[in-house]
Amino acid sequence: MSALFTSYSLGERAVVLQSLDPQISEECQRIIWRIAQQLREQLCYVDIVPGMNNLTVLFDPQKFQAQHILKQLHAFADSTKALEFEPREIQIPVKYGGSYGPDLAFVAEHCQLEPDEIIALHSAGTYLVYFLGFQPGFAYLGGLAPQLTTPRRAEPRIRIEAGAVGIGGNQTGIYPAASPGGWQIIGQTSVTLFDAQRAQPSLLQPGDVVRFIVEHW
């Protein structure tokens, strides 16, 4: 066992590296993301899934034993430093307001700001992808300006289109596919967030830095 992590088997085909600290920290996440990079470079596992404070490795039990992978995980955990992780920067063009962002006016009123100020604050942010969830390719982003915190809609929409950019509480995110949803939609991007035909289906990955670029319409 390392000083920062514990581990355990998850059935016969997966193992988990788990932080001993229940608090979420960027330093811990960076270590997890760097370990994930190193494991992917080996090209021998079924999947590598970074989560919040944890990392899950799915493997073929006919090729590996769980104890072998657990030993490797702890070796990486003991030797990996947070600064070794170098994030990618992904720029996402967004058309704000109008038919693209039907909730921009509500967000502005709630935050006691002008719509242009909402756009300026949102597009000035530097956002960190902590993990993927909710639906394939949906990235949970940290870094929303506190002034933009807005509650979800009282009644979720039946359908939100793919590429919708929204605010839900103290988070912002992008819908990769059309689905029901309750976030306040302030804009739209034409970027494809998830494509099952790509070698890496999800455009955004844990650890990526996201910047929104204002696209005029």
C-alpha atoms as a PDB file:
ATOM      1  CA  MET A   1       0.000   0.000   0.000  1.00  0.00           C
ATOM      2  CA  SER A   2       1.261   3.474  -0.874  1.00  0.00           C
ATOM      3  CA  ALA A   3       1.158   6.443   1.482  1.00  0.00           C
ATOM      4  CA  LEU A   4      -1.655   8.128  -0.462  1.00  0.00           C
ATOM      5  CA  PHE A   5      -3.714   5.292  -1.932  1.00  0.00           C
ATOM      6  CA  THR A   6      -5.289   1.952  -1.157  1.00  0.00           C
ATOM      7  CA  SER A   7      -6.545  -0.597  -3.690  1.00  0.00           C
ATOM      8  CA  TYR A   8      -8.908  -3.503  -4.159  1.00  0.00           C
ATOM      9  CA  SER A   9     -10.284  -5.933  -6.728  1.00  0.00           C
ATOM     10  CA  LEU A  10     -13.653  -5.190  -8.302  1.00  0.00           C
ATOM     11  CA  GLY A  11     -14.923  -8.556  -9.461  1.00  0.00           C
ATOM     12  CA  GLU A  12     -12.703 -10.731 -11.648  1.00  0.00           C
ATOM     13  CA  ARG A  13     -11.964  -8.183 -14.363  1.00  0.00           C
ATOM     14  CA  ALA A  14     -11.186  -4.895 -12.645  1.00  0.00           C
ATOM     15  CA  VAL A  15      -9.083  -3.341  -9.899  1.00  0.00           C
ATOM     16  CA  VAL A  16      -9.393   0.074  -8.257  1.00  0.00           C
ATOM     17  CA  LEU A  17      -6.789   2.494  -6.924  1.00  0.00           C
ATOM     18  CA  GLN A  18      -8.488   4.671  -4.290  1.00  0.00           C
ATOM     19  CA  SER A  19      -7.215   7.806  -2.554  1.00  0.00           C
ATOM     20  CA  LEU A  20      -7.023   7.548   1.232  1.00  0.00           C
ATOM     21  CA  ASP A  21      -8.074  11.193   1.519  1.00  0.00           C
ATOM     22  CA  PRO A  22     -11.850  11.639   1.024  1.00  0.00           C
ATOM     23  CA  GLN A  23     -11.353  15.298   0.101  1.00  0.00           C
ATOM     24  CA  ILE A  24     -11.112  16.077  -3.602  1.00  0.00           C
ATOM     25  CA  SER A  25      -7.899  17.837  -4.609  1.00  0.00           C
ATOM     26  CA  GLU A  26      -6.409  18.780  -7.950  1.00  0.00           C
ATOM     27  CA  GLU A  27      -3.040  17.367  -6.840  1.00  0.00           C
ATOM     28  CA  CYS A  28      -4.558  13.930  -6.237  1.00  0.00           C
ATOM     29  CA  GLN A  29      -6.414  14.064  -9.526  1.00  0.00           C
ATOM     30  CA  ARG A  30      -3.250  14.985 -11.407  1.00  0.00           C
ATOM     31  CA  ILE A  31      -1.481  11.934  -9.959  1.00  0.00           C
ATOM     32  CA  ILE A  32      -4.408   9.750 -11.025  1.00  0.00           C
ATOM     33  CA  TRP A  33      -4.439  11.239 -14.531  1.00  0.00           C
ATOM     34  CA  ARG A  34      -0.691  10.734 -14.929  1.00  0.00           C
ATOM     35  CA  ILE A  35      -0.948   7.102 -13.788  1.00  0.00           C
ATOM     36  CA  ALA A  36      -3.769   6.636 -16.314  1.00  0.00           C
ATOM     37  CA  GLN A  37      -1.514   8.015 -19.065  1.00  0.00           C
ATOM     38  CA  GLN A  38       1.253   5.582 -18.162  1.00  0.00           C
ATOM     39  CA  LEU A  39      -1.127   2.623 -18.137  1.00  0.00           C
ATOM     40  CA  ARG A  40      -2.615   3.565 -21.510  1.00  0.00           C
ATOM     41  CA  GLU A  41       0.861   3.706 -23.012  1.00  0.00           C
ATOM     42  CA  GLN A  42       1.255  -0.006 -22.247  1.00  0.00           C
ATOM     43  CA  LEU A  43      -1.632  -0.842 -24.624  1.00  0.00           C
ATOM     44  CA  CYS A  44      -2.490  -4.025 -22.738  1.00  0.00           C
ATOM     45  CA  TYR A  45      -5.615  -3.259 -20.712  1.00  0.00           C
ATOM     46  CA  VAL A  46      -9.269  -3.319 -21.732  1.00  0.00           C
ATOM     47  CA  ASP A  47      -9.961   0.153 -20.335  1.00  0.00           C
ATOM     48  CA  ILE A  48      -8.560   2.771 -17.955  1.00  0.00           C
ATOM     49  CA  VAL A  49     -11.196   4.851 -16.149  1.00  0.00           C
ATOM     50  CA  PRO A  50     -10.070   7.827 -14.019  1.00  0.00           C
ATOM     51  CA  GLY A  51     -12.693   8.941 -11.501  1.00  0.00           C
ATOM     52  CA  MET A  52     -12.872  11.326  -8.585  1.00  0.00           C
ATOM     53  CA  ASN A  53     -10.190  10.171  -6.127  1.00  0.00           C
ATOM     54  CA  ASN A  54      -9.928   6.814  -7.873  1.00  0.00           C
ATOM     55  CA  LEU A  55      -8.737   4.940 -10.934  1.00  0.00           C
ATOM     56  CA  THR A  56     -10.300   1.743 -12.277  1.00  0.00           C
ATOM     57  CA  VAL A  57      -8.404  -0.660 -14.534  1.00  0.00           C
ATOM     58  CA  LEU A  58     -10.356  -3.224 -16.555  1.00  0.00           C
ATOM     59  CA  PHE A  59      -8.325  -6.195 -17.756  1.00  0.00           C
ATOM     60  CA  ASP A  60      -8.518  -9.620 -19.386  1.00  0.00           C
ATOM     61  CA  PRO A  61      -8.205 -12.205 -16.582  1.00  0.00           C
ATOM     62  CA  GLN A  62      -6.770 -14.695 -19.076  1.00  0.00           C
ATOM     63  CA  LYS A  63      -3.779 -12.392 -19.549  1.00  0.00           C
ATOM     64  CA  PHE A  64      -3.317 -10.810 -16.112  1.00  0.00           C
ATOM     65  CA  GLN A  65      -3.806 -11.541 -12.451  1.00  0.00           C
ATOM     66  CA  ALA A  66      -5.328  -8.839 -10.274  1.00  0.00           C
ATOM     67  CA  GLN A  67      -2.420  -8.904  -7.823  1.00  0.00           C
ATOM     68  CA  HIS A  68       0.044  -8.150 -10.621  1.00  0.00           C
ATOM     69  CA  ILE A  69      -1.904  -5.016 -11.635  1.00  0.00           C
ATOM     70  CA  LEU A  70      -2.416  -3.884  -8.035  1.00  0.00           C
ATOM     71  CA  LYS A  71       1.317  -4.113  -7.451  1.00  0.00           C
ATOM     72  CA  GLN A  72       1.957  -2.041 -10.570  1.00  0.00           C
ATOM     73  CA  LEU A  73      -0.604   0.572  -9.519  1.00  0.00           C
ATOM     74  CA  HIS A  74       1.055   1.068  -6.150  1.00  0.00           C
ATOM     75  CA  ALA A  75       4.472   1.310  -7.776  1.00  0.00           C
ATOM     76  CA  PHE A  76       3.138   4.099 -10.001  1.00  0.00           C
ATOM     77  CA  ALA A  77       1.406   5.772  -7.045  1.00  0.00           C
ATOM     78  CA  ASP A  78       4.656   5.846  -5.060  1.00  0.00           C
ATOM     79  CA  SER A  79       6.723   7.278  -7.918  1.00  0.00           C
ATOM     80  CA  THR A  80       4.323   9.627  -9.717  1.00  0.00           C
ATOM     81  CA  LYS A  81       4.273  13.369  -8.987  1.00  0.00           C
ATOM     82  CA  ALA A  82       1.368  15.673  -9.733  1.00  0.00           C
ATOM     83  CA  LEU A  83       3.586  18.027 -11.757  1.00  0.00           C
ATOM     84  CA  GLU A  84       4.384  15.215 -14.192  1.00  0.00           C
ATOM     85  CA  PHE A  85       0.895  15.468 -15.660  1.00  0.00           C
ATOM     86  CA  GLU A  86       0.708  17.885 -18.598  1.00  0.00           C
ATOM     87  CA  PRO A  87      -2.890  18.671 -19.568  1.00  0.00           C
ATOM     88  CA  ARG A  88      -4.157  19.245 -23.076  1.00  0.00           C
ATOM     89  CA  GLU A  89      -5.947  22.507 -23.832  1.00  0.00           C
ATOM     90  CA  ILE A  90      -9.185  22.177 -25.794  1.00  0.00           C
ATOM     91  CA  GLN A  91     -10.879  25.270 -27.221  1.00  0.00           C
ATOM     92  CA  ILE A  92     -14.646  25.093 -27.698  1.00  0.00           C
ATOM     93  CA  PRO A  93     -16.302  27.780 -29.872  1.00  0.00           C
ATOM     94  CA  VAL A  94     -19.709  28.800 -28.487  1.00  0.00           C
ATOM     95  CA  LYS A  95     -22.556  30.878 -29.871  1.00  0.00           C
ATOM     96  CA  TYR A  96     -24.144  32.521 -26.836  1.00  0.00           C
ATOM     97  CA  GLY A  97     -27.702  33.760 -26.384  1.00  0.00           C
ATOM     98  CA  GLY A  98     -30.622  33.988 -28.784  1.00  0.00           C
ATOM     99  CA  SER A  99     -31.978  30.644 -29.968  1.00  0.00           C
ATOM    100  CA  TYR A 100     -28.589  29.112 -29.065  1.00  0.00           C
ATOM    101  CA  GLY A 101     -28.833  30.100 -25.401  1.00  0.00           C
ATOM    102  CA  PRO A 102     -32.491  30.451 -24.405  1.00  0.00           C
ATOM    103  CA  ASP A 103     -31.679  30.713 -20.683  1.00  0.00           C
ATOM    104  CA  LEU A 104     -29.038  33.436 -20.938  1.00  0.00           C
ATOM    105  CA  ALA A 105     -31.500  36.146 -19.907  1.00  0.00           C
ATOM    106  CA  PHE A 106     -32.648  34.140 -16.871  1.00  0.00           C
ATOM    107  CA  VAL A 107     -29.034  33.530 -15.775  1.00  0.00           C
ATOM    108  CA  ALA A 108     -28.269  37.236 -16.174  1.00  0.00           C
ATOM    109  CA  GLU A 109     -31.300  38.223 -14.099  1.00  0.00           C
ATOM    110  CA  HIS A 110     -30.501  35.662 -11.392  1.00  0.00           C
ATOM    111  CA  CYS A 111     -26.868  36.795 -11.192  1.00  0.00           C
ATOM    112  CA  GLN A 112     -27.838  40.485 -11.381  1.00  0.00           C
ATOM    113  CA  LEU A 113     -25.595  40.987 -14.393  1.00  0.00           C
ATOM    114  CA  GLU A 114     -26.055  41.944 -18.024  1.00  0.00           C
ATOM    115  CA  PRO A 115     -26.106  39.128 -20.627  1.00  0.00           C
ATOM    116  CA  ASP A 116     -22.857  40.441 -22.113  1.00  0.00           C
ATOM    117  CA  GLU A 117     -21.251  40.211 -18.669  1.00  0.00           C
ATOM    118  CA  ILE A 118     -22.384  36.583 -18.342  1.00  0.00           C
ATOM    119  CA  ILE A 119     -20.810  35.800 -21.707  1.00  0.00           C
ATOM    120  CA  ALA A 120     -17.592  37.610 -20.798  1.00  0.00           C
ATOM    121  CA  LEU A 121     -17.253  35.821 -17.460  1.00  0.00           C
ATOM    122  CA  HIS A 122     -18.113  32.393 -18.846  1.00  0.00           C
ATOM    123  CA  SER A 123     -15.756  32.640 -21.814  1.00  0.00           C
ATOM    124  CA  ALA A 124     -12.926  34.036 -19.656  1.00  0.00           C
ATOM    125  CA  GLY A 125     -12.832  30.952 -17.439  1.00  0.00           C
ATOM    126  CA  THR A 126     -10.259  28.169 -17.443  1.00  0.00           C
ATOM    127  CA  TYR A 127     -12.078  24.906 -16.838  1.00  0.00           C
ATOM    128  CA  LEU A 128     -10.670  21.568 -15.721  1.00  0.00           C
ATOM    129  CA  VAL A 129     -12.253  18.250 -16.697  1.00  0.00           C
ATOM    130  CA  TYR A 130     -12.501  16.270 -13.470  1.00  0.00           C
ATOM    131  CA  PHE A 131     -14.293  13.229 -14.847  1.00  0.00           C
ATOM    132  CA  LEU A 132     -16.820  11.989 -17.422  1.00  0.00           C
ATOM    133  CA  GLY A 133     -20.307  10.807 -16.554  1.00  0.00           C
ATOM    134  CA  PHE A 134     -24.088  11.266 -16.886  1.00  0.00           C
ATOM    135  CA  GLN A 135     -23.850  10.273 -20.559  1.00  0.00           C
ATOM    136  CA  PRO A 136     -20.927   9.254 -22.830  1.00  0.00           C
ATOM    137  CA  GLY A 137     -18.599  12.209 -23.315  1.00  0.00           C
ATOM    138  CA  PHE A 138     -20.228  14.494 -20.735  1.00  0.00           C
ATOM    139  CA  ALA A 139     -17.417  16.284 -18.906  1.00  0.00           C
ATOM    140  CA  TYR A 140     -17.812  17.608 -15.373  1.00  0.00           C
ATOM    141  CA  LEU A 141     -15.891  20.884 -15.380  1.00  0.00           C
ATOM    142  CA  GLY A 142     -14.427  22.741 -12.447  1.00  0.00           C
ATOM    143  CA  GLY A 143     -13.652  26.456 -12.575  1.00  0.00           C
ATOM    144  CA  LEU A 144     -16.964  28.266 -13.055  1.00  0.00           C
ATOM    145  CA  ALA A 145     -16.824  31.829 -11.725  1.00  0.00           C
ATOM    146  CA  PRO A 146     -18.801  31.965  -8.437  1.00  0.00           C
ATOM    147  CA  GLN A 147     -20.789  34.952  -9.760  1.00  0.00           C
ATOM    148  CA  LEU A 148     -22.333  32.632 -12.396  1.00  0.00           C
ATOM    149  CA  THR A 149     -23.756  30.053  -9.989  1.00  0.00           C
ATOM    150  CA  THR A 150     -27.380  29.491 -11.030  1.00  0.00           C
ATOM    151  CA  PRO A 151     -29.845  26.792  -9.913  1.00  0.00           C
ATOM    152  CA  ARG A 152     -31.096  24.208 -12.369  1.00  0.00           C
ATOM    153  CA  ARG A 153     -34.488  24.681 -13.982  1.00  0.00           C
ATOM    154  CA  ALA A 154     -37.492  23.861 -11.808  1.00  0.00           C
ATOM    155  CA  GLU A 155     -38.829  21.737 -14.685  1.00  0.00           C
ATOM    156  CA  PRO A 156     -36.202  19.963 -16.824  1.00  0.00           C
ATOM    157  CA  ARG A 157     -36.601  20.153 -20.586  1.00  0.00           C
ATOM    158  CA  ILE A 158     -37.660  16.971 -22.358  1.00  0.00           C
ATOM    159  CA  ARG A 159     -34.945  17.482 -24.969  1.00  0.00           C
ATOM    160  CA  ILE A 160     -31.732  19.470 -25.026  1.00  0.00           C
ATOM    161  CA  GLU A 161     -29.770  19.347 -28.266  1.00  0.00           C
ATOM    162  CA  ALA A 162     -26.224  18.005 -28.592  1.00  0.00           C
ATOM    163  CA  GLY A 163     -23.675  20.780 -28.126  1.00  0.00           C
ATOM    164  CA  ALA A 164     -25.790  22.804 -25.688  1.00  0.00           C
ATOM    165  CA  VAL A 165     -23.635  24.686 -23.165  1.00  0.00           C
ATOM    166  CA  GLY A 166     -25.253  25.121 -19.785  1.00  0.00           C
ATOM    167  CA  ILE A 167     -24.902  26.069 -16.154  1.00  0.00           C
ATOM    168  CA  GLY A 168     -26.218  23.881 -13.357  1.00  0.00           C
ATOM    169  CA  GLY A 169     -25.529  25.139  -9.857  1.00  0.00           C
ATOM    170  CA  ASN A 170     -21.804  25.891  -9.594  1.00  0.00           C
ATOM    171  CA  GLN A 171     -20.861  23.852 -12.661  1.00  0.00           C
ATOM    172  CA  THR A 172     -20.865  24.348 -16.399  1.00  0.00           C
ATOM    173  CA  GLY A 173     -20.911  21.656 -19.041  1.00  0.00           C
ATOM    174  CA  ILE A 174     -21.734  20.628 -22.603  1.00  0.00           C
ATOM    175  CA  TYR A 175     -24.349  18.076 -23.631  1.00  0.00           C
ATOM    176  CA  PRO A 176     -22.593  15.566 -25.966  1.00  0.00           C
ATOM    177  CA  ALA A 177     -25.904  14.144 -27.236  1.00  0.00           C
ATOM    178  CA  ALA A 178     -29.543  15.141 -27.268  1.00  0.00           C
ATOM    179  CA  SER A 179     -31.227  14.233 -23.989  1.00  0.00           C
ATOM    180  CA  PRO A 180     -33.563  15.520 -21.276  1.00  0.00           C
ATOM    181  CA  GLY A 181     -31.877  17.965 -18.924  1.00  0.00           C
ATOM    182  CA  GLY A 182     -32.376  20.680 -16.359  1.00  0.00           C
ATOM    183  CA  TRP A 183     -29.323  22.900 -16.812  1.00  0.00           C
ATOM    184  CA  GLN A 184     -29.695  26.545 -17.830  1.00  0.00           C
ATOM    185  CA  ILE A 185     -28.687  26.677 -21.505  1.00  0.00           C
ATOM    186  CA  ILE A 186     -26.655  29.781 -22.349  1.00  0.00           C
ATOM    187  CA  GLY A 187     -25.062  28.763 -25.655  1.00  0.00           C
ATOM    188  CA  GLN A 188     -24.351  26.141 -28.291  1.00  0.00           C
ATOM    189  CA  THR A 189     -21.245  24.651 -29.885  1.00  0.00           C
ATOM    190  CA  SER A 190     -20.932  22.801 -33.193  1.00  0.00           C
ATOM    191  CA  VAL A 191     -18.037  20.721 -31.865  1.00  0.00           C
ATOM    192  CA  THR A 192     -18.773  16.972 -31.683  1.00  0.00           C
ATOM    193  CA  LEU A 193     -18.099  15.918 -28.110  1.00  0.00           C
ATOM    194  CA  PHE A 194     -18.692  12.189 -28.602  1.00  0.00           C
ATOM    195  CA  ASP A 195     -18.355   9.984 -31.685  1.00  0.00           C
ATOM    196  CA  ALA A 196     -18.366   6.207 -31.216  1.00  0.00           C
ATOM    197  CA  GLN A 197     -16.517   5.789 -34.543  1.00  0.00           C
ATOM    198  CA  ARG A 198     -13.435   7.687 -33.381  1.00  0.00           C
ATOM    199  CA  ALA A 199     -10.453   5.843 -31.897  1.00  0.00           C
ATOM    200  CA  GLN A 200     -11.037   7.937 -28.767  1.00  0.00           C
ATOM    201  CA  PRO A 201     -14.812   8.519 -28.833  1.00  0.00           C
ATOM    202  CA  SER A 202     -14.900  11.289 -26.215  1.00  0.00           C
ATOM    203  CA  LEU A 203     -13.215  14.531 -27.261  1.00  0.00           C
ATOM    204  CA  LEU A 204     -12.723  15.652 -23.657  1.00  0.00           C
ATOM    205  CA  GLN A 205     -10.751  13.520 -21.222  1.00  0.00           C
ATOM    206  CA  PRO A 206     -10.148  13.834 -17.468  1.00  0.00           C
ATOM    207  CA  GLY A 207      -7.375  16.349 -16.871  1.00  0.00           C
ATOM    208  CA  ASP A 208      -8.034  18.408 -20.009  1.00  0.00           C
ATOM    209  CA  VAL A 209      -8.205  22.194 -19.755  1.00  0.00           C
ATOM    210  CA  VAL A 210     -11.203  23.690 -21.573  1.00  0.00           C
ATOM    211  CA  ARG A 211     -11.591  27.247 -22.803  1.00  0.00           C
ATOM    212  CA  PHE A 212     -14.783  28.598 -24.365  1.00  0.00           C
ATOM    213  CA  ILE A 213     -14.324  30.920 -27.344  1.00  0.00           C
ATOM    214  CA  VAL A 214     -17.097  33.378 -28.254  1.00  0.00           C
ATOM    215  CA  GLU A 215     -18.383  32.642 -31.757  1.00  0.00           C
ATOM    216  CA  HIS A 216     -20.565  35.384 -33.224  1.00  0.00           C
ATOM    217  CA  TRP A 217     -23.770  34.681 -35.108  1.00  0.00           C
END
